[in-house]
Amino acid sequence: MTSTNFLSVEEVARLSRVTPRTLRKYLSLNKGPVVTRVGGRVFIQKSHFDEWISQNTSSRKVKL
């Protein structure tokens, strides 16, 4: 596996359009994507991020 398969918390937050603080809260509540820890740092595999997004996306029409 190459390092390009891993995303930082900041990258995942940006892609998810939430703040890093919000993403960390999701992770602490086990509501975020599966994480991988390397040397004390937290990373998310791109495949885990994609799966998390697909499981938490709604296609319902929303009134704005």
C-alpha atoms as a PDB file:
ATOM      1  CA  MET A   1       0.000   0.000   0.000  1.00  0.00           C
ATOM      2  CA  THR A   2       1.392   3.421  -0.900  1.00  0.00           C
ATOM      3  CA  SER A   3       1.173   6.560   1.173  1.00  0.00           C
ATOM      4  CA  THR A   4      -1.265   8.040  -1.387  1.00  0.00           C
ATOM      5  CA  ASN A   5      -3.850   5.535  -0.145  1.00  0.00           C
ATOM      6  CA  PHE A   6      -3.877   7.283   3.231  1.00  0.00           C
ATOM      7  CA  LEU A   7      -5.533  10.609   4.007  1.00  0.00           C
ATOM      8  CA  SER A   8      -4.904  12.861   6.992  1.00  0.00           C
ATOM      9  CA  VAL A   9      -7.698  14.024   9.278  1.00  0.00           C
ATOM     10  CA  GLU A  10      -7.429  17.466   7.694  1.00  0.00           C
ATOM     11  CA  GLU A  11      -7.750  16.040   4.158  1.00  0.00           C
ATOM     12  CA  VAL A  12     -10.779  13.931   5.100  1.00  0.00           C
ATOM     13  CA  ALA A  13     -12.390  16.912   6.831  1.00  0.00           C
ATOM     14  CA  ARG A  14     -11.885  19.068   3.746  1.00  0.00           C
ATOM     15  CA  LEU A  15     -13.296  16.369   1.444  1.00  0.00           C
ATOM     16  CA  SER A  16     -16.257  15.890   3.809  1.00  0.00           C
ATOM     17  CA  ARG A  17     -16.826  19.648   4.081  1.00  0.00           C
ATOM     18  CA  VAL A  18     -16.615  19.606   7.870  1.00  0.00           C
ATOM     19  CA  THR A  19     -14.018  21.088  10.189  1.00  0.00           C
ATOM     20  CA  PRO A  20     -11.177  18.902  11.473  1.00  0.00           C
ATOM     21  CA  ARG A  21     -12.650  19.388  14.962  1.00  0.00           C
ATOM     22  CA  THR A  22     -16.015  17.975  13.824  1.00  0.00           C
ATOM     23  CA  LEU A  23     -14.320  15.005  12.164  1.00  0.00           C
ATOM     24  CA  ARG A  24     -12.312  14.290  15.326  1.00  0.00           C
ATOM     25  CA  LYS A  25     -15.591  14.340  17.276  1.00  0.00           C
ATOM     26  CA  TYR A  26     -17.092  11.816  14.828  1.00  0.00           C
ATOM     27  CA  LEU A  27     -14.009   9.633  15.240  1.00  0.00           C
ATOM     28  CA  SER A  28     -14.176   9.796  19.049  1.00  0.00           C
ATOM     29  CA  LEU A  29     -17.845   8.724  18.896  1.00  0.00           C
ATOM     30  CA  ASN A  30     -17.028   5.908  16.422  1.00  0.00           C
ATOM     31  CA  LYS A  31     -19.231   7.614  13.818  1.00  0.00           C
ATOM     32  CA  GLY A  32     -16.420   8.381  11.387  1.00  0.00           C
ATOM     33  CA  PRO A  33     -14.428   6.262   8.968  1.00  0.00           C
ATOM     34  CA  VAL A  34     -12.115   3.498  10.161  1.00  0.00           C
ATOM     35  CA  VAL A  35      -8.728   4.921  11.137  1.00  0.00           C
ATOM     36  CA  THR A  36      -5.165   3.650  10.941  1.00  0.00           C
ATOM     37  CA  ARG A  37      -2.641   4.841  13.508  1.00  0.00           C
ATOM     38  CA  VAL A  38       0.999   5.184  12.500  1.00  0.00           C
ATOM     39  CA  GLY A  39       3.468   6.451  15.055  1.00  0.00           C
ATOM     40  CA  GLY A  40       0.754   8.198  17.040  1.00  0.00           C
ATOM     41  CA  ARG A  41      -0.717   9.926  13.974  1.00  0.00           C
ATOM     42  CA  VAL A  42      -4.188   9.147  12.662  1.00  0.00           C
ATOM     43  CA  PHE A  43      -4.782   8.372   8.993  1.00  0.00           C
ATOM     44  CA  ILE A  44      -7.795   7.184   7.029  1.00  0.00           C
ATOM     45  CA  GLN A  45      -7.443   4.808   4.103  1.00  0.00           C
ATOM     46  CA  LYS A  46      -9.074   6.255   1.015  1.00  0.00           C
ATOM     47  CA  SER A  47     -11.173   3.103   0.582  1.00  0.00           C
ATOM     48  CA  HIS A  48     -12.486   3.444   4.165  1.00  0.00           C
ATOM     49  CA  PHE A  49     -13.304   7.103   3.547  1.00  0.00           C
ATOM     50  CA  ASP A  50     -15.161   6.253   0.318  1.00  0.00           C
ATOM     51  CA  GLU A  51     -17.138   3.524   2.111  1.00  0.00           C
ATOM     52  CA  TRP A  52     -18.025   5.853   5.001  1.00  0.00           C
ATOM     53  CA  ILE A  53     -19.226   8.554   2.601  1.00  0.00           C
ATOM     54  CA  SER A  54     -21.355   6.114   0.601  1.00  0.00           C
ATOM     55  CA  GLN A  55     -22.952   4.719   3.779  1.00  0.00           C
ATOM     56  CA  ASN A  56     -23.744   8.195   5.109  1.00  0.00           C
ATOM     57  CA  THR A  57     -25.036   9.878   1.970  1.00  0.00           C
ATOM     58  CA  SER A  58     -28.717  10.429   1.410  1.00  0.00           C
ATOM     59  CA  SER A  59     -30.274  10.873  -2.001  1.00  0.00           C
ATOM     60  CA  ARG A  60     -33.523  12.317  -0.645  1.00  0.00           C
ATOM     61  CA  LYS A  61     -34.676  15.639  -2.019  1.00  0.00           C
ATOM     62  CA  VAL A  62     -34.375  18.411   0.534  1.00  0.00           C
ATOM     63  CA  LYS A  63     -36.283  21.668   0.491  1.00  0.00           C
ATOM     64  CA  LEU A  64     -33.963  24.627   0.700  1.00  0.00           C
END
